[in-house]
PDB file of N, CA and C in Angstrom:
ATOM      1  N   UNK A   1     113.634 109.218 169.709  1.00  0.00           N
ATOM      2  CA  UNK A   1     112.224 109.322 169.406  1.00  0.00           C
ATOM      3  C   UNK A   1     112.065 110.374 168.272  1.00  0.00           C
ATOM      4  N   UNK A   2     111.170 110.115 167.320  1.00  0.00           N
ATOM      5  CA  UNK A   2     111.015 111.065 166.207  1.00  0.00           C
ATOM      6  C   UNK A   2     110.431 112.400 166.665  1.00  0.00           C
ATOM      7  N   UNK A   3     110.687 113.392 165.854  1.00  0.00           N
ATOM      8  CA  UNK A   3     110.285 114.740 166.201  1.00  0.00           C
ATOM      9  C   UNK A   3     108.753 114.868 166.319  1.00  0.00           C
ATOM     10  N   UNK A   4     107.981 114.232 165.489  1.00  0.00           N
ATOM     11  CA  UNK A   4     106.534 114.380 165.513  1.00  0.00           C
ATOM     12  C   UNK A   4     105.924 113.799 166.806  1.00  0.00           C
ATOM     13  N   UNK A   5     106.633 112.938 167.484  1.00  0.00           N
ATOM     14  CA  UNK A   5     106.122 112.394 168.746  1.00  0.00           C
ATOM     15  C   UNK A   5     106.566 113.259 169.916  1.00  0.00           C
ATOM     16  N   UNK A   6     107.583 114.069 169.759  1.00  0.00           N
ATOM     17  CA  UNK A   6     108.077 114.925 170.828  1.00  0.00           C
ATOM     18  C   UNK A   6     107.309 116.258 170.932  1.00  0.00           C
ATOM     19  N   UNK A   7     106.724 116.673 169.836  1.00  0.00           N
ATOM     20  CA  UNK A   7     106.015 117.962 169.789  1.00  0.00           C
ATOM     21  C   UNK A   7     104.616 117.805 170.370  1.00  0.00           C
ATOM     22  N   UNK A   8     104.107 118.812 171.044  1.00  0.00           N
ATOM     23  CA  UNK A   8     102.727 118.695 171.616  1.00  0.00           C
ATOM     24  C   UNK A   8     101.660 118.731 170.527  1.00  0.00           C
ATOM     25  N   UNK A   9     100.570 118.037 170.798  1.00  0.00           N
ATOM     26  CA  UNK A   9      99.459 118.001 169.841  1.00  0.00           C
ATOM     27  C   UNK A   9      98.616 119.260 170.063  1.00  0.00           C
ATOM     28  N   UNK A  10      98.155 119.813 169.003  1.00  0.00           N
ATOM     29  CA  UNK A  10      97.289 121.009 169.089  1.00  0.00           C
ATOM     30  C   UNK A  10      96.004 120.704 168.336  1.00  0.00           C
ATOM     31  N   UNK A  11      94.910 121.086 168.946  1.00  0.00           N
ATOM     32  CA  UNK A  11      93.612 120.870 168.330  1.00  0.00           C
ATOM     33  C   UNK A  11      93.185 122.050 167.484  1.00  0.00           C
ATOM     34  N   UNK A  12      91.971 121.904 166.937  1.00  0.00           N
ATOM     35  CA  UNK A  12      91.427 122.951 166.097  1.00  0.00           C
ATOM     36  C   UNK A  12      90.171 123.456 166.743  1.00  0.00           C
ATOM     37  N   UNK A  13      90.050 124.793 166.880  1.00  0.00           N
ATOM     38  CA  UNK A  13      88.803 125.396 167.347  1.00  0.00           C
ATOM     39  C   UNK A  13      88.319 126.350 166.291  1.00  0.00           C
ATOM     40  N   UNK A  14      87.106 126.159 165.869  1.00  0.00           N
ATOM     41  CA  UNK A  14      86.506 126.987 164.839  1.00  0.00           C
ATOM     42  C   UNK A  14      86.105 128.325 165.427  1.00  0.00           C
ATOM     43  N   UNK A  15      86.570 129.419 164.839  1.00  0.00           N
ATOM     44  CA  UNK A  15      86.255 130.733 165.343  1.00  0.00           C
ATOM     45  C   UNK A  15      84.858 131.175 164.963  1.00  0.00           C
ATOM     46  N   UNK A  16      84.254 130.527 164.006  1.00  0.00           N
ATOM     47  CA  UNK A  16      82.939 130.929 163.522  1.00  0.00           C
ATOM     48  C   UNK A  16      81.755 130.159 164.119  1.00  0.00           C
ATOM     49  N   UNK A  17      82.007 129.322 165.108  1.00  0.00           N
ATOM     50  CA  UNK A  17      80.908 128.560 165.691  1.00  0.00           C
ATOM     51  C   UNK A  17      80.029 129.469 166.532  1.00  0.00           C
ATOM     52  N   UNK A  18      78.770 129.111 166.634  1.00  0.00           N
ATOM     53  CA  UNK A  18      77.855 129.871 167.455  1.00  0.00           C
ATOM     54  C   UNK A  18      77.393 128.988 168.609  1.00  0.00           C
ATOM     55  N   UNK A  19      77.332 129.580 169.779  1.00  0.00           N
ATOM     56  CA  UNK A  19      76.861 128.849 170.960  1.00  0.00           C
ATOM     57  C   UNK A  19      75.409 129.243 171.214  1.00  0.00           C
ATOM     58  N   UNK A  20      74.516 128.327 170.878  1.00  0.00           N
ATOM     59  CA  UNK A  20      73.078 128.574 171.043  1.00  0.00           C
ATOM     60  C   UNK A  20      72.575 127.822 172.257  1.00  0.00           C
ATOM     61  N   UNK A  21      71.848 128.510 173.123  1.00  0.00           N
ATOM     62  CA  UNK A  21      71.313 127.913 174.313  1.00  0.00           C
ATOM     63  C   UNK A  21      70.004 127.238 173.955  1.00  0.00           C
ATOM     64  N   UNK A  22      69.857 125.959 174.327  1.00  0.00           N
ATOM     65  CA  UNK A  22      68.643 125.182 173.991  1.00  0.00           C
ATOM     66  C   UNK A  22      67.787 125.039 175.259  1.00  0.00           C
ATOM     67  N   UNK A  23      66.476 125.295 175.064  1.00  0.00           N
ATOM     68  CA  UNK A  23      65.510 125.189 176.174  1.00  0.00           C
ATOM     69  C   UNK A  23      64.369 124.298 175.701  1.00  0.00           C
ATOM     70  N   UNK A  24      63.989 123.333 176.537  1.00  0.00           N
ATOM     71  CA  UNK A  24      62.873 122.449 176.214  1.00  0.00           C
ATOM     72  C   UNK A  24      61.546 123.194 176.455  1.00  0.00           C
ATOM     73  N   UNK A  25      60.538 122.784 175.702  1.00  0.00           N
ATOM     74  CA  UNK A  25      59.244 123.444 175.823  1.00  0.00           C
ATOM     75  C   UNK A  25      58.590 123.215 177.174  1.00  0.00           C
ATOM     76  N   UNK A  26      58.948 122.137 177.853  1.00  0.00           N
ATOM     77  CA  UNK A  26      58.393 121.871 179.187  1.00  0.00           C
ATOM     78  C   UNK A  26      58.861 122.909 180.217  1.00  0.00           C
ATOM     79  N   UNK A  27      59.974 123.556 179.980  1.00  0.00           N
ATOM     80  CA  UNK A  27      60.477 124.586 180.865  1.00  0.00           C
ATOM     81  C   UNK A  27      59.625 125.853 180.834  1.00  0.00           C
ATOM     82  N   UNK A  28      58.841 126.053 179.766  1.00  0.00           N
ATOM     83  CA  UNK A  28      58.011 127.231 179.625  1.00  0.00           C
ATOM     84  C   UNK A  28      56.734 127.147 180.414  1.00  0.00           C
ATOM     85  N   UNK A  29      56.485 126.043 181.099  1.00  0.00           N
ATOM     86  CA  UNK A  29      55.289 125.824 181.913  1.00  0.00           C
ATOM     87  C   UNK A  29      55.234 126.797 183.095  1.00  0.00           C
ATOM     88  N   UNK A  30      56.337 127.385 183.503  1.00  0.00           N
ATOM     89  CA  UNK A  30      56.320 128.264 184.671  1.00  0.00           C
ATOM     90  C   UNK A  30      55.739 129.644 184.372  1.00  0.00           C
ATOM     91  N   UNK A  31      55.523 129.958 183.091  1.00  0.00           N
ATOM     92  CA  UNK A  31      54.901 131.216 182.720  1.00  0.00           C
ATOM     93  C   UNK A  31      53.401 131.091 182.756  1.00  0.00           C
ATOM     94  N   UNK A  32      52.666 132.211 183.024  1.00  0.00           N
ATOM     95  CA  UNK A  32      51.240 132.219 183.052  1.00  0.00           C
ATOM     96  C   UNK A  32      50.653 132.096 181.659  1.00  0.00           C
ATOM     97  N   UNK A  33      49.457 131.593 181.549  1.00  0.00           N
ATOM     98  CA  UNK A  33      48.794 131.434 180.268  1.00  0.00           C
ATOM     99  C   UNK A  33      48.525 132.799 179.661  1.00  0.00           C
ATOM    100  N   UNK A  34      48.797 132.924 178.361  1.00  0.00           N
ATOM    101  CA  UNK A  34      48.571 134.145 177.621  1.00  0.00           C
ATOM    102  C   UNK A  34      49.711 135.178 177.725  1.00  0.00           C
ATOM    103  N   UNK A  35      50.757 134.861 178.436  1.00  0.00           N
ATOM    104  CA  UNK A  35      51.868 135.836 178.611  1.00  0.00           C
ATOM    105  C   UNK A  35      52.803 135.823 177.423  1.00  0.00           C
ATOM    106  N   UNK A  36      53.549 136.901 177.266  1.00  0.00           N
ATOM    107  CA  UNK A  36      54.551 137.034 176.232  1.00  0.00           C
ATOM    108  C   UNK A  36      55.890 136.577 176.833  1.00  0.00           C
ATOM    109  N   UNK A  37      56.501 135.600 176.185  1.00  0.00           N
ATOM    110  CA  UNK A  37      57.774 135.060 176.675  1.00  0.00           C
ATOM    111  C   UNK A  37      58.867 135.509 175.738  1.00  0.00           C
ATOM    112  N   UNK A  38      59.781 136.300 176.281  1.00  0.00           N
ATOM    113  CA  UNK A  38      60.942 136.806 175.527  1.00  0.00           C
ATOM    114  C   UNK A  38      62.219 136.304 176.217  1.00  0.00           C
ATOM    115  N   UNK A  39      63.347 136.581 175.580  1.00  0.00           N
ATOM    116  CA  UNK A  39      64.626 136.154 176.139  1.00  0.00           C
ATOM    117  C   UNK A  39      64.882 136.899 177.456  1.00  0.00           C
ATOM    118  N   UNK A  40      64.484 138.154 177.537  1.00  0.00           N
ATOM    119  CA  UNK A  40      64.678 138.943 178.756  1.00  0.00           C
ATOM    120  C   UNK A  40      63.866 138.350 179.910  1.00  0.00           C
ATOM    121  N   UNK A  41      62.627 137.925 179.638  1.00  0.00           N
ATOM    122  CA  UNK A  41      61.821 137.333 180.695  1.00  0.00           C
ATOM    123  C   UNK A  41      62.374 135.966 181.122  1.00  0.00           C
ATOM    124  N   UNK A  42      62.934 135.221 180.156  1.00  0.00           N
ATOM    125  CA  UNK A  42      63.577 133.937 180.495  1.00  0.00           C
ATOM    126  C   UNK A  42      64.766 134.193 181.413  1.00  0.00           C
ATOM    127  N   UNK A  43      65.496 135.270 181.190  1.00  0.00           N
ATOM    128  CA  UNK A  43      66.638 135.587 182.028  1.00  0.00           C
ATOM    129  C   UNK A  43      66.166 135.996 183.437  1.00  0.00           C
ATOM    130  N   UNK A  44      65.074 136.725 183.554  1.00  0.00           N
ATOM    131  CA  UNK A  44      64.553 137.141 184.852  1.00  0.00           C
ATOM    132  C   UNK A  44      64.137 135.941 185.688  1.00  0.00           C
ATOM    133  N   UNK A  45      63.477 134.962 185.016  1.00  0.00           N
ATOM    134  CA  UNK A  45      63.004 133.771 185.716  1.00  0.00           C
ATOM    135  C   UNK A  45      64.151 132.814 186.058  1.00  0.00           C
ATOM    136  N   UNK A  46      65.245 132.848 185.297  1.00  0.00           N
ATOM    137  CA  UNK A  46      66.378 131.983 185.563  1.00  0.00           C
ATOM    138  C   UNK A  46      66.518 130.846 184.586  1.00  0.00           C
ATOM    139  N   UNK A  47      65.722 130.823 183.501  1.00  0.00           N
ATOM    140  CA  UNK A  47      65.852 129.764 182.505  1.00  0.00           C
ATOM    141  C   UNK A  47      67.158 129.925 181.719  1.00  0.00           C
ATOM    142  N   UNK A  48      67.501 131.176 181.416  1.00  0.00           N
ATOM    143  CA  UNK A  48      68.709 131.462 180.618  1.00  0.00           C
ATOM    144  C   UNK A  48      69.593 132.369 181.441  1.00  0.00           C
ATOM    145  N   UNK A  49      70.838 131.964 181.641  1.00  0.00           N
ATOM    146  CA  UNK A  49      71.787 132.815 182.362  1.00  0.00           C
ATOM    147  C   UNK A  49      72.483 133.783 181.403  1.00  0.00           C
ATOM    148  N   UNK A  50      72.966 133.249 180.299  1.00  0.00           N
ATOM    149  CA  UNK A  50      73.671 134.038 179.318  1.00  0.00           C
ATOM    150  C   UNK A  50      73.191 133.606 177.932  1.00  0.00           C
ATOM    151  N   UNK A  51      72.466 134.436 177.194  1.00  0.00           N
ATOM    152  CA  UNK A  51      71.928 133.991 175.913  1.00  0.00           C
ATOM    153  C   UNK A  51      72.967 133.752 174.823  1.00  0.00           C
ATOM    154  N   UNK A  52      74.203 134.171 175.013  1.00  0.00           N
ATOM    155  CA  UNK A  52      75.287 133.974 174.062  1.00  0.00           C
ATOM    156  C   UNK A  52      74.897 134.410 172.660  1.00  0.00           C
ATOM    157  N   UNK A  53      74.810 133.436 171.719  1.00  0.00           N
ATOM    158  CA  UNK A  53      74.498 133.762 170.331  1.00  0.00           C
ATOM    159  C   UNK A  53      73.019 133.550 169.990  1.00  0.00           C
ATOM    160  N   UNK A  54      72.235 133.130 170.934  1.00  0.00           N
ATOM    161  CA  UNK A  54      70.809 132.937 170.680  1.00  0.00           C
ATOM    162  C   UNK A  54      70.176 131.872 171.534  1.00  0.00           C
ATOM    163  N   UNK A  55      68.861 131.788 171.498  1.00  0.00           N
ATOM    164  CA  UNK A  55      68.099 130.812 172.284  1.00  0.00           C
ATOM    165  C   UNK A  55      67.248 130.026 171.291  1.00  0.00           C
ATOM    166  N   UNK A  56      67.261 128.715 171.420  1.00  0.00           N
ATOM    167  CA  UNK A  56      66.443 127.845 170.580  1.00  0.00           C
ATOM    168  C   UNK A  56      65.468 127.072 171.481  1.00  0.00           C
ATOM    169  N   UNK A  57      64.216 127.064 171.102  1.00  0.00           N
ATOM    170  CA  UNK A  57      63.188 126.328 171.848  1.00  0.00           C
ATOM    171  C   UNK A  57      63.027 124.959 171.205  1.00  0.00           C
ATOM    172  N   UNK A  58      63.206 123.908 171.989  1.00  0.00           N
ATOM    173  CA  UNK A  58      63.104 122.524 171.503  1.00  0.00           C
ATOM    174  C   UNK A  58      61.745 121.961 171.936  1.00  0.00           C
ATOM    175  N   UNK A  59      61.284 120.929 171.260  1.00  0.00           N
ATOM    176  CA  UNK A  59      59.963 120.382 171.489  1.00  0.00           C
ATOM    177  C   UNK A  59      59.903 119.237 172.480  1.00  0.00           C
ATOM    178  N   UNK A  60      60.855 119.087 173.348  1.00  0.00           N
ATOM    179  CA  UNK A  60      60.839 117.982 174.329  1.00  0.00           C
ATOM    180  C   UNK A  60      59.941 118.349 175.505  1.00  0.00           C
ATOM    181  N   UNK A  61      58.964 117.519 175.799  1.00  0.00           N
ATOM    182  CA  UNK A  61      58.072 117.780 176.919  1.00  0.00           C
ATOM    183  C   UNK A  61      56.689 118.206 176.454  1.00  0.00           C
ATOM    184  N   UNK A  62      55.841 118.561 177.407  1.00  0.00           N
ATOM    185  CA  UNK A  62      54.477 118.930 177.109  1.00  0.00           C
ATOM    186  C   UNK A  62      54.240 120.381 177.537  1.00  0.00           C
ATOM    187  N   UNK A  63      53.342 121.043 176.817  1.00  0.00           N
ATOM    188  CA  UNK A  63      52.955 122.390 177.139  1.00  0.00           C
ATOM    189  C   UNK A  63      51.422 122.427 177.225  1.00  0.00           C
ATOM    190  N   UNK A  64      50.904 123.066 178.286  1.00  0.00           N
ATOM    191  CA  UNK A  64      49.472 123.086 178.502  1.00  0.00           C
ATOM    192  C   UNK A  64      48.901 124.499 178.476  1.00  0.00           C
ATOM    193  N   UNK A  65      49.745 125.496 178.221  1.00  0.00           N
ATOM    194  CA  UNK A  65      49.313 126.908 178.294  1.00  0.00           C
ATOM    195  C   UNK A  65      49.498 127.586 176.964  1.00  0.00           C
ATOM    196  N   UNK A  66      48.669 128.583 176.718  1.00  0.00           N
ATOM    197  CA  UNK A  66      48.773 129.413 175.521  1.00  0.00           C
ATOM    198  C   UNK A  66      49.813 130.480 175.799  1.00  0.00           C
ATOM    199  N   UNK A  67      50.899 130.467 175.018  1.00  0.00           N
ATOM    200  CA  UNK A  67      51.988 131.417 175.199  1.00  0.00           C
ATOM    201  C   UNK A  67      52.370 132.077 173.874  1.00  0.00           C
ATOM    202  N   UNK A  68      52.849 133.305 173.954  1.00  0.00           N
ATOM    203  CA  UNK A  68      53.396 134.017 172.811  1.00  0.00           C
ATOM    204  C   UNK A  68      54.906 134.061 172.991  1.00  0.00           C
ATOM    205  N   UNK A  69      55.644 133.262 172.252  1.00  0.00           N
ATOM    206  CA  UNK A  69      57.042 133.041 172.481  1.00  0.00           C
ATOM    207  C   UNK A  69      57.886 133.753 171.397  1.00  0.00           C
ATOM    208  N   UNK A  70      58.890 134.498 171.844  1.00  0.00           N
ATOM    209  CA  UNK A  70      59.830 135.156 170.936  1.00  0.00           C
ATOM    210  C   UNK A  70      61.218 134.633 171.236  1.00  0.00           C
ATOM    211  N   UNK A  71      61.862 133.995 170.259  1.00  0.00           N
ATOM    212  CA  UNK A  71      63.210 133.467 170.445  1.00  0.00           C
ATOM    213  C   UNK A  71      63.934 133.508 169.110  1.00  0.00           C
ATOM    214  N   UNK A  72      65.202 133.104 169.122  1.00  0.00           N
ATOM    215  CA  UNK A  72      66.012 133.144 167.883  1.00  0.00           C
ATOM    216  C   UNK A  72      65.711 131.978 166.946  1.00  0.00           C
ATOM    217  N   UNK A  73      65.309 130.821 167.507  1.00  0.00           N
ATOM    218  CA  UNK A  73      65.035 129.658 166.675  1.00  0.00           C
ATOM    219  C   UNK A  73      64.086 128.729 167.379  1.00  0.00           C
ATOM    220  N   UNK A  74      63.359 127.944 166.599  1.00  0.00           N
ATOM    221  CA  UNK A  74      62.415 126.969 167.105  1.00  0.00           C
ATOM    222  C   UNK A  74      62.569 125.661 166.355  1.00  0.00           C
ATOM    223  N   UNK A  75      62.372 124.536 167.036  1.00  0.00           N
ATOM    224  CA  UNK A  75      62.319 123.272 166.307  1.00  0.00           C
ATOM    225  C   UNK A  75      60.926 123.145 165.748  1.00  0.00           C
ATOM    226  N   UNK A  76      60.751 122.297 164.747  1.00  0.00           N
ATOM    227  CA  UNK A  76      59.423 122.146 164.127  1.00  0.00           C
ATOM    228  C   UNK A  76      58.394 121.598 165.126  1.00  0.00           C
ATOM    229  N   UNK A  77      58.788 120.672 166.005  1.00  0.00           N
ATOM    230  CA  UNK A  77      57.867 120.110 166.963  1.00  0.00           C
ATOM    231  C   UNK A  77      57.451 121.142 168.022  1.00  0.00           C
ATOM    232  N   UNK A  78      58.396 122.001 168.405  1.00  0.00           N
ATOM    233  CA  UNK A  78      58.054 123.049 169.383  1.00  0.00           C
ATOM    234  C   UNK A  78      57.107 124.066 168.764  1.00  0.00           C
ATOM    235  N   UNK A  79      57.357 124.434 167.547  1.00  0.00           N
ATOM    236  CA  UNK A  79      56.460 125.379 166.857  1.00  0.00           C
ATOM    237  C   UNK A  79      55.047 124.807 166.754  1.00  0.00           C
ATOM    238  N   UNK A  80      54.964 123.507 166.410  1.00  0.00           N
ATOM    239  CA  UNK A  80      53.643 122.874 166.283  1.00  0.00           C
ATOM    240  C   UNK A  80      52.900 122.807 167.603  1.00  0.00           C
ATOM    241  N   UNK A  81      53.614 122.498 168.693  1.00  0.00           N
ATOM    242  CA  UNK A  81      52.975 122.383 169.995  1.00  0.00           C
ATOM    243  C   UNK A  81      52.476 123.742 170.479  1.00  0.00           C
ATOM    244  N   UNK A  82      53.254 124.799 170.264  1.00  0.00           N
ATOM    245  CA  UNK A  82      52.831 126.107 170.720  1.00  0.00           C
ATOM    246  C   UNK A  82      51.613 126.617 169.925  1.00  0.00           C
ATOM    247  N   UNK A  83      51.653 126.437 168.576  1.00  0.00           N
ATOM    248  CA  UNK A  83      50.541 126.905 167.756  1.00  0.00           C
ATOM    249  C   UNK A  83      49.313 126.032 167.912  1.00  0.00           C
ATOM    250  N   UNK A  84      49.477 124.780 168.310  1.00  0.00           N
ATOM    251  CA  UNK A  84      48.347 123.901 168.547  1.00  0.00           C
ATOM    252  C   UNK A  84      47.480 124.382 169.693  1.00  0.00           C
ATOM    253  N   UNK A  85      48.083 125.003 170.686  1.00  0.00           N
ATOM    254  CA  UNK A  85      47.332 125.518 171.850  1.00  0.00           C
ATOM    255  C   UNK A  85      46.872 126.943 171.651  1.00  0.00           C
ATOM    256  N   UNK A  86      47.101 127.528 170.482  1.00  0.00           N
ATOM    257  CA  UNK A  86      46.611 128.856 170.199  1.00  0.00           C
ATOM    258  C   UNK A  86      47.648 129.950 170.464  1.00  0.00           C
ATOM    259  N   UNK A  87      48.864 129.591 170.759  1.00  0.00           N
ATOM    260  CA  UNK A  87      49.941 130.571 170.969  1.00  0.00           C
ATOM    261  C   UNK A  87      50.562 130.993 169.694  1.00  0.00           C
ATOM    262  N   UNK A  88      51.477 131.942 169.795  1.00  0.00           N
ATOM    263  CA  UNK A  88      52.161 132.432 168.590  1.00  0.00           C
ATOM    264  C   UNK A  88      53.655 132.219 168.765  1.00  0.00           C
ATOM    265  N   UNK A  89      54.331 132.080 167.614  1.00  0.00           N
ATOM    266  CA  UNK A  89      55.770 131.902 167.561  1.00  0.00           C
ATOM    267  C   UNK A  89      56.348 133.001 166.736  1.00  0.00           C
ATOM    268  N   UNK A  90      57.367 133.708 167.261  1.00  0.00           N
ATOM    269  CA  UNK A  90      57.981 134.788 166.497  1.00  0.00           C
ATOM    270  C   UNK A  90      59.496 134.595 166.586  1.00  0.00           C
ATOM    271  N   UNK A  91      60.144 134.578 165.421  1.00  0.00           N
ATOM    272  CA  UNK A  91      61.580 134.460 165.356  1.00  0.00           C
ATOM    273  C   UNK A  91      62.175 135.860 165.362  1.00  0.00           C
ATOM    274  N   UNK A  92      63.043 136.108 166.284  1.00  0.00           N
ATOM    275  CA  UNK A  92      63.673 137.432 166.431  1.00  0.00           C
ATOM    276  C   UNK A  92      64.792 137.570 165.419  1.00  0.00           C
TER     277      UNK A  92
END
C-alpha cells in the first residue's frame, strides 16, 4: 500500500476563528418592558452560559416589549424590530 494511504489524515483548524453565541429575538421576551438587557443579565437569566467571543442578536421570532439591548452584534432585522417598538440598540 502506498505511503500516503498509510499515514493518518489531519484536518485544519483555524486559530483565528471567533465563536459567537447567537440568540434569537424571541428569547428576549422573558425580560420586563423597558429594562436594560446586557450580556451579564442574559447570563443571570440563563440565555447565555459562556459568552465566548461575543453575543449576536438575531431577528428570528417576535418581540412585543420595549427593550434597551446591549450586545456585540445585531442582525439588521433584529435591530429594526427592537427600534420599531421604541427600544434602543447599542453595540458594545
